[in-house]
Amino acid sequence: MPVRKFRSLEAMEDSLWREPGDPGLWRAIDRVWRFAAESCPRHFPPGVYRHHSIEEAQQLREVWDEANFRAFWERRGVNPAELDRRKP
């Protein structure tokens, strides 16, 4: 990978953008998505869930989000209960 030097932050930011249709764009998106999936995998129970209301669906989604949050910290060796005590 070549080393590039920048004289300002603006020049650096401009170099990160890719043109539409650029094959490198798809590779970059793929790398970002793979990194996200490996570093912070999310799990949703399989199946189709029917809800009587949007509020009920949101409650179930919050339960899944909480489980994913706790699993994220447990993989890093942090007890999620300690995080609850740190909240203001």
Protein backbone atom coordinates (compact mmCIF):
# COMPACT_ATOMS: atom_id res chain seq x y z
CA MET A 1 0.00 0.00 0.00
CA PRO A 2 1.50 3.35 -0.98
CA VAL A 3 2.21 6.03 1.61
CA ARG A 4 0.61 9.38 0.88
CA LYS A 5 1.38 12.71 2.54
CA PHE A 6 -1.20 15.44 3.07
CA ARG A 7 -0.66 19.09 3.84
CA SER A 8 -4.14 19.65 5.28
CA LEU A 9 -7.14 17.77 6.63
CA GLU A 10 -9.21 18.94 3.67
CA ALA A 11 -6.84 17.24 1.22
CA MET A 12 -7.02 14.05 3.26
CA GLU A 13 -10.84 14.06 3.37
CA ASP A 14 -11.06 14.54 -0.40
CA SER A 15 -8.86 11.49 -0.98
CA LEU A 16 -11.29 9.22 0.89
CA TRP A 17 -14.19 9.74 -1.51
CA ARG A 18 -14.67 7.42 -4.44
CA GLU A 19 -16.47 8.16 -7.66
CA PRO A 20 -19.76 6.37 -8.39
CA GLY A 21 -19.08 3.24 -10.42
CA ASP A 22 -15.50 2.94 -9.16
CA PRO A 23 -14.78 -0.79 -8.53
CA GLY A 24 -12.78 0.25 -5.47
CA LEU A 25 -15.98 1.60 -3.93
CA TRP A 26 -17.55 -1.85 -3.74
CA ARG A 27 -14.39 -3.32 -2.25
CA ALA A 28 -14.26 -0.56 0.36
CA ILE A 29 -17.92 -1.10 1.31
CA ASP A 30 -17.32 -4.84 1.53
CA ARG A 31 -14.30 -4.33 3.83
CA VAL A 32 -16.26 -1.99 6.13
CA TRP A 33 -19.21 -4.38 6.38
CA ARG A 34 -16.93 -7.38 7.01
CA PHE A 35 -15.05 -5.47 9.70
CA ALA A 36 -18.31 -4.49 11.39
CA ALA A 37 -19.63 -8.07 11.26
CA GLU A 38 -16.41 -9.45 12.74
CA SER A 39 -15.83 -6.79 15.39
CA CYS A 40 -19.41 -6.43 16.57
CA PRO A 41 -21.60 -9.30 15.37
CA ARG A 42 -25.30 -8.94 16.04
CA HIS A 43 -27.69 -11.78 16.57
CA PHE A 44 -31.42 -11.76 15.97
CA PRO A 45 -33.38 -14.92 16.69
CA PRO A 46 -34.48 -16.60 13.45
CA GLY A 47 -38.08 -16.57 12.40
CA VAL A 48 -40.91 -14.21 11.68
CA TYR A 49 -42.50 -12.34 14.55
CA ARG A 50 -46.00 -10.92 14.50
CA HIS A 51 -46.92 -8.05 16.78
CA HIS A 52 -50.20 -6.47 17.77
CA SER A 53 -48.69 -2.98 17.77
CA ILE A 54 -45.60 -1.06 16.81
CA GLU A 55 -44.87 -0.54 20.50
CA GLU A 56 -44.78 -4.31 21.05
CA ALA A 57 -42.37 -4.71 18.11
CA GLN A 58 -40.16 -1.94 19.48
CA GLN A 59 -40.07 -3.60 22.91
CA LEU A 60 -38.87 -6.86 21.38
CA ARG A 61 -36.26 -4.98 19.35
CA GLU A 62 -35.03 -3.30 22.55
CA VAL A 63 -34.68 -6.71 24.22
CA TRP A 64 -32.57 -7.93 21.28
CA ASP A 65 -30.49 -4.73 21.28
CA GLU A 66 -29.82 -5.11 25.01
CA ALA A 67 -28.77 -8.75 24.53
CA ASN A 68 -26.41 -7.74 21.70
CA PHE A 69 -24.97 -4.93 23.84
CA ARG A 70 -24.31 -7.28 26.75
CA ALA A 71 -22.76 -9.90 24.45
CA PHE A 72 -20.48 -7.22 22.96
CA TRP A 73 -19.06 -6.31 26.38
CA GLU A 74 -18.87 -9.90 27.59
CA ARG A 75 -16.71 -10.79 24.56
CA ARG A 76 -14.34 -8.04 25.68
CA GLY A 77 -14.19 -9.31 29.26
CA VAL A 78 -16.28 -6.53 30.79
CA ASN A 79 -19.13 -7.37 33.11
CA PRO A 80 -22.21 -5.55 31.70
CA ALA A 81 -23.52 -5.07 35.25
CA GLU A 82 -20.53 -2.79 35.91
CA LEU A 83 -21.55 -0.64 32.95
CA ASP A 84 -25.03 -0.17 34.45
CA ARG A 85 -23.46 1.23 37.61
CA ARG A 86 -21.43 3.77 35.60
CA LYS A 87 -24.52 5.39 34.09
CA PRO A 88 -25.18 8.87 35.53
